[in-house]
Amino acid sequence: MRVRTLLGAAALCAAALSLTAGGAAASGAGAGIATCNQSRWCTITASGDVTQFASQLAIGNVSAGTELAVTQDNLGQNQVGGEILNGSLRGSCGWSQYARDWTAKALSVIAGCPNPILDTSQFVADSGRAVWSGCYPRCFGGVPLTYDTRCGDRNQRWCYRANCEEYANFYPWSPAAHPTDPIRMTRRHRLDVRYMARYGDAWTHTAFYLVRDIDAQHGTGNWVFISGAACGITVGPPGTYHWLTHPSRPHHGAPSAHIALDALVTTSWAGALRPVTL
């Protein structure tokens, strides 16, 4: 059984648990503080564990030196969760990608987020089902997208056709979602697509995806958001894939997947999923 320690339990239970404008719950005092110790960015995830409604998907990034009020410590998963105290995600609830990315400080603070979990349906499109998972054999990360200027032509998929901006944050749970904190251009890197954001860009009304930039190192912002329209993304159906979509020695006609949608999908200019004719 995974061990989860609730920090400051007595103080938190004594406080009134009401939602604030920032989405964090008001609570008592006594939460310890940890600081992002990575060179540039620490990735924030939606949950410290996998449940029926939530999983450890990345939801954004905070810059080096950002402080987290730790209200929970998941020892089994080696993650800490709580309220983000400053930076781009200030006031948001979230979990560290790894506890080692954060350094504890000899301080305590009044903090919200006694239960810092964001359900998948709150930030992933299609009621939380627009998720891609690669299992080759370990299930970690998404399904590879390669750079191809012919992407989308003649049903060419699992690719993107244009170099585009990678952003540290997009706020996929918000109807006002919009990219912030640009990090780099894609530079023809291989990207692993993980999920489509629930909301499209409030300014351009285009879909955004959470991807992992394989060529970017941990701590420099390797989980990022990109625009489906700006990048010219064409993907296959959401689901769990058990071999690479571009194997070096192909021996299957198509990748195996537990399909979440019946039709293949690609980027819609309105920020939704639409079928592709094969």
Protein backbone atom coordinates (compact mmCIF):
# COMPACT_ATOMS: atom_id res chain seq x y z
CA MET A 1 0.00 0.00 0.00
CA ARG A 2 1.33 3.39 -0.92
CA VAL A 3 2.09 5.56 2.07
CA ARG A 4 0.82 9.12 2.13
CA THR A 5 1.58 11.45 5.03
CA LEU A 6 -0.72 14.38 5.65
CA LEU A 7 1.32 17.21 7.09
CA GLY A 8 -0.15 19.47 9.69
CA ALA A 9 -3.29 17.31 9.86
CA ALA A 10 -4.70 18.76 13.07
CA ALA A 11 -4.33 22.33 11.90
CA LEU A 12 -5.73 21.57 8.47
CA CYS A 13 -8.77 19.72 9.79
CA ALA A 14 -9.54 22.56 12.19
CA ALA A 15 -9.67 25.09 9.39
CA ALA A 16 -12.67 25.89 7.24
CA LEU A 17 -12.28 24.27 3.84
CA SER A 18 -13.70 26.79 1.36
CA LEU A 19 -12.54 27.32 -2.21
CA THR A 20 -10.67 30.52 -2.93
CA ALA A 21 -10.61 32.42 -6.20
CA GLY A 22 -7.33 30.75 -7.08
CA GLY A 23 -8.81 27.28 -6.73
CA ALA A 24 -6.97 26.44 -3.51
CA ALA A 25 -8.75 25.49 -0.32
CA ALA A 26 -8.27 27.65 2.75
CA SER A 27 -6.69 25.77 5.61
CA GLY A 28 -4.66 26.10 8.74
CA ALA A 29 -1.04 26.87 9.49
CA GLY A 30 2.01 24.70 9.75
CA ALA A 31 2.80 23.61 6.20
CA GLY A 32 6.49 23.26 5.49
CA ILE A 33 8.09 25.06 2.55
CA ALA A 34 10.12 23.48 -0.26
CA THR A 35 11.94 25.32 -3.05
CA CYS A 36 12.40 24.24 -6.68
CA ASN A 37 16.10 23.35 -6.95
CA GLN A 38 16.31 22.61 -10.68
CA SER A 39 18.38 24.70 -13.08
CA ARG A 40 15.37 26.31 -14.81
CA TRP A 41 12.01 24.60 -14.26
CA CYS A 42 10.23 22.15 -11.97
CA THR A 43 7.32 20.27 -13.48
CA ILE A 44 4.00 20.29 -11.61
CA THR A 45 1.62 17.33 -11.84
CA ALA A 46 -2.09 16.95 -11.15
CA SER A 47 -1.84 14.19 -8.54
CA GLY A 48 0.63 12.29 -6.41
CA ASP A 49 -1.00 8.97 -7.26
CA VAL A 50 -3.16 7.26 -9.86
CA THR A 51 -6.84 6.94 -8.98
CA GLN A 52 -10.09 6.38 -10.85
CA PHE A 53 -10.38 10.11 -11.45
CA ALA A 54 -6.83 11.53 -11.30
CA SER A 55 -3.32 10.70 -12.47
CA GLN A 56 0.21 12.08 -12.43
CA LEU A 57 -0.08 14.07 -15.66
CA ALA A 58 1.93 17.29 -15.92
CA ILE A 59 -0.17 20.47 -15.74
CA GLY A 60 2.55 23.12 -15.90
CA ASN A 61 5.95 24.26 -14.68
CA VAL A 62 7.37 26.63 -12.09
CA SER A 63 10.69 28.40 -12.34
CA ALA A 64 13.76 27.70 -10.23
CA GLY A 65 13.42 29.11 -6.71
CA THR A 66 9.61 28.89 -6.63
CA GLU A 67 8.24 27.91 -3.23
CA LEU A 68 5.72 25.17 -2.50
CA ALA A 69 3.79 24.92 0.78
CA VAL A 70 3.88 21.16 1.35
CA THR A 71 0.59 19.82 2.70
CA GLN A 72 1.07 16.20 1.58
CA ASP A 73 4.03 13.89 1.13
CA ASN A 74 3.46 10.73 -0.91
CA LEU A 75 6.32 8.56 0.28
CA GLY A 76 5.46 5.66 -2.01
CA GLN A 77 5.56 7.81 -5.15
CA ASN A 78 8.34 10.12 -3.88
CA GLN A 79 6.29 13.27 -4.54
CA VAL A 80 5.22 16.26 -2.48
CA GLY A 81 2.07 18.28 -2.99
CA GLY A 82 0.53 21.50 -1.78
CA GLU A 83 0.01 25.14 -2.68
CA ILE A 84 2.36 26.99 -5.03
CA LEU A 85 3.29 30.23 -3.28
CA ASN A 86 4.76 32.36 -6.08
CA GLY A 87 5.54 32.52 -9.77
CA SER A 88 3.31 31.79 -12.75
CA LEU A 89 1.20 29.18 -10.92
CA ARG A 90 0.86 31.11 -7.66
CA GLY A 91 -2.18 29.98 -5.67
CA SER A 92 -2.58 26.75 -7.65
CA CYS A 93 -2.63 23.30 -6.08
CA GLY A 94 -0.24 20.70 -7.46
CA TRP A 95 2.34 18.00 -6.96
CA SER A 96 6.03 17.80 -7.70
CA GLN A 97 7.15 15.49 -10.47
CA TYR A 98 9.85 14.23 -8.09
CA ALA A 99 10.45 15.11 -4.44
CA ARG A 100 14.19 15.39 -5.21
CA ASP A 101 13.45 18.43 -7.40
CA TRP A 102 12.54 20.36 -4.24
CA THR A 103 14.64 21.35 -1.22
CA ALA A 104 12.97 21.65 2.18
CA LYS A 105 13.39 24.92 4.10
CA ALA A 106 13.23 25.38 7.88
CA LEU A 107 10.07 27.47 7.56
CA SER A 108 6.33 27.00 7.87
CA VAL A 109 3.43 28.93 6.41
CA ILE A 110 -0.34 29.19 6.41
CA ALA A 111 -1.31 27.24 3.30
CA GLY A 112 -4.23 26.10 1.22
CA CYS A 113 -4.54 22.90 -0.81
CA PRO A 114 -4.96 20.30 1.97
CA ASN A 115 -5.86 17.81 -0.77
CA PRO A 116 -4.00 19.12 -3.86
CA ILE A 117 -5.55 16.90 -6.53
CA LEU A 118 -6.84 18.01 -9.93
CA ASP A 119 -9.12 15.45 -11.57
CA THR A 120 -8.13 14.53 -15.13
CA SER A 121 -11.50 15.61 -16.53
CA GLN A 122 -10.86 19.13 -15.26
CA PHE A 123 -7.93 19.77 -17.62
CA VAL A 124 -7.97 17.10 -20.36
CA ALA A 125 -10.26 17.25 -23.40
CA ASP A 126 -13.09 14.80 -24.09
CA SER A 127 -13.99 14.51 -20.38
CA GLY A 128 -10.45 13.40 -19.53
CA ARG A 129 -10.15 10.76 -22.27
CA ALA A 130 -7.92 12.60 -24.78
CA VAL A 131 -4.72 11.03 -23.37
CA TRP A 132 -1.96 9.21 -25.26
CA SER A 133 0.23 6.67 -23.43
CA GLY A 134 3.26 4.83 -24.74
CA CYS A 135 4.19 1.46 -23.18
CA TYR A 136 7.39 0.05 -24.74
CA PRO A 137 7.27 -1.86 -22.37
CA ARG A 138 7.19 0.65 -19.49
CA CYS A 139 4.18 2.96 -19.48
CA PHE A 140 5.75 6.37 -19.06
CA GLY A 141 5.19 9.38 -21.25
CA GLY A 142 3.28 9.74 -24.48
CA VAL A 143 3.40 8.58 -28.09
CA PRO A 144 6.17 9.93 -30.37
CA LEU A 145 5.56 12.68 -32.92
CA THR A 146 8.22 13.30 -35.56
CA TYR A 147 8.89 16.44 -37.57
CA ASP A 148 7.66 16.02 -41.14
CA THR A 149 6.85 18.83 -43.57
CA ARG A 150 4.34 16.48 -45.24
CA CYS A 151 2.51 15.87 -41.97
CA GLY A 152 -1.22 15.61 -42.57
CA ASP A 153 -0.84 14.93 -46.31
CA ARG A 154 -2.23 11.62 -47.54
CA ASN A 155 -3.19 10.73 -43.97
CA GLN A 156 0.39 11.15 -42.74
CA ARG A 157 0.04 11.17 -38.94
CA TRP A 158 1.98 10.96 -35.66
CA CYS A 159 3.86 14.04 -36.72
CA TYR A 160 4.03 17.84 -36.78
CA ARG A 161 4.90 19.94 -39.82
CA ALA A 162 6.21 23.25 -38.48
CA ASN A 163 8.71 24.41 -35.89
CA CYS A 164 6.76 26.22 -33.21
CA GLU A 165 7.03 27.65 -29.70
CA GLU A 166 7.10 25.50 -26.56
CA TYR A 167 5.52 27.03 -23.46
CA ALA A 168 6.00 26.17 -19.81
CA ASN A 169 2.37 26.93 -18.94
CA PHE A 170 -1.07 26.99 -20.52
CA TYR A 171 -3.54 26.61 -17.59
CA PRO A 172 -5.50 23.79 -19.30
CA TRP A 173 -8.15 23.74 -16.52
CA SER A 174 -9.21 27.34 -17.19
CA PRO A 175 -11.70 28.67 -19.79
CA ALA A 176 -9.25 31.60 -20.05
CA ALA A 177 -6.36 29.25 -20.99
CA HIS A 178 -3.53 30.94 -22.88
CA PRO A 179 0.16 30.04 -23.24
CA THR A 180 2.74 31.82 -21.06
CA ASP A 181 6.44 31.43 -20.25
CA PRO A 182 7.89 30.57 -23.70
CA ILE A 183 10.90 28.27 -23.38
CA ARG A 184 12.22 27.34 -26.85
CA MET A 185 11.25 26.45 -30.40
CA THR A 186 10.62 22.78 -31.18
CA ARG A 187 13.69 22.74 -33.50
CA ARG A 188 12.51 19.52 -35.17
CA HIS A 189 12.86 17.68 -31.86
CA ARG A 190 11.00 14.44 -31.32
CA LEU A 191 7.99 15.11 -29.14
CA ASP A 192 5.87 12.68 -27.15
CA VAL A 193 2.21 13.74 -27.20
CA ARG A 194 0.54 13.17 -23.81
CA TYR A 195 -2.85 14.87 -23.84
CA MET A 196 -5.02 17.53 -25.45
CA ALA A 197 -5.96 20.37 -23.11
CA ARG A 198 -9.61 20.63 -22.11
CA TYR A 199 -9.79 24.24 -23.22
CA GLY A 200 -8.36 25.75 -26.36
CA ASP A 201 -6.45 29.02 -26.41
CA ALA A 202 -8.91 31.70 -25.31
CA TRP A 203 -7.25 34.18 -27.70
CA THR A 204 -6.92 32.09 -30.87
CA HIS A 205 -9.52 29.34 -30.21
CA THR A 206 -7.03 26.63 -31.19
CA ALA A 207 -6.20 23.35 -29.48
CA PHE A 208 -3.12 22.93 -27.28
CA TYR A 209 -1.27 19.73 -26.38
CA LEU A 210 0.95 18.73 -23.49
CA VAL A 211 4.07 17.06 -24.91
CA ARG A 212 7.46 15.92 -23.69
CA ASP A 213 10.43 17.31 -25.62
CA ILE A 214 12.76 14.31 -25.76
CA ASP A 215 15.79 16.45 -26.57
CA ALA A 216 15.31 18.71 -23.53
CA GLN A 217 16.85 17.67 -20.22
CA HIS A 218 14.98 17.24 -16.98
CA GLY A 219 14.94 20.52 -15.07
CA THR A 220 15.07 22.67 -18.20
CA GLY A 221 11.38 22.39 -19.10
CA ASN A 222 10.89 19.11 -20.96
CA TRP A 223 7.13 18.85 -20.34
CA VAL A 224 5.66 21.72 -22.36
CA PHE A 225 2.54 22.96 -24.12
CA ILE A 226 2.39 23.52 -27.88
CA SER A 227 -0.27 24.79 -30.29
CA GLY A 228 -1.79 22.16 -32.55
CA ALA A 229 -2.41 24.79 -35.22
CA ALA A 230 0.98 26.51 -35.06
CA CYS A 231 2.82 23.18 -35.09
CA GLY A 232 0.57 21.49 -37.65
CA ILE A 233 0.01 18.40 -35.49
CA THR A 234 -1.71 15.26 -36.76
CA VAL A 235 -2.13 12.42 -34.28
CA GLY A 236 -3.81 9.05 -34.03
CA PRO A 237 -6.61 8.18 -31.62
CA PRO A 238 -6.04 8.60 -27.89
CA GLY A 239 -5.24 5.37 -26.08
CA THR A 240 -2.42 3.14 -24.82
CA TYR A 241 0.13 2.11 -27.44
CA HIS A 242 2.22 -1.02 -26.96
CA TRP A 243 4.83 -0.44 -29.62
CA LEU A 244 6.34 2.56 -31.35
CA THR A 245 4.28 4.23 -34.04
CA HIS A 246 7.44 4.57 -36.18
CA PRO A 247 9.34 1.29 -35.52
CA SER A 248 12.82 0.97 -37.05
CA ARG A 249 11.86 -2.48 -38.38
CA PRO A 250 8.11 -2.36 -38.95
CA HIS A 251 6.31 -5.65 -38.58
CA HIS A 252 2.79 -4.47 -37.91
CA GLY A 253 0.36 -2.63 -40.13
CA ALA A 254 -0.63 -0.24 -37.36
CA PRO A 255 0.19 0.39 -33.71
CA SER A 256 -1.81 -1.52 -31.13
CA ALA A 257 -3.94 0.66 -28.89
CA HIS A 258 -6.85 0.51 -26.52
CA ILE A 259 -8.82 3.16 -28.35
CA ALA A 260 -10.57 5.87 -26.40
CA LEU A 261 -12.27 7.24 -29.55
CA ASP A 262 -13.60 5.34 -32.56
CA ALA A 263 -12.15 7.67 -35.19
CA LEU A 264 -8.68 9.03 -35.78
CA VAL A 265 -8.28 12.58 -34.58
CA THR A 266 -6.32 15.64 -35.52
CA THR A 267 -6.25 19.28 -34.51
CA SER A 268 -9.42 21.28 -35.00
CA TRP A 269 -9.18 25.01 -35.55
CA ALA A 270 -11.88 25.34 -32.91
CA GLY A 271 -9.82 23.47 -30.33
CA ALA A 272 -11.84 20.23 -30.35
CA LEU A 273 -11.45 16.70 -31.71
CA ARG A 274 -12.67 15.91 -35.19
CA PRO A 275 -12.55 12.67 -37.26
CA VAL A 276 -10.12 12.10 -40.10
CA THR A 277 -11.16 10.11 -43.15
CA LEU A 278 -8.76 7.26 -43.84
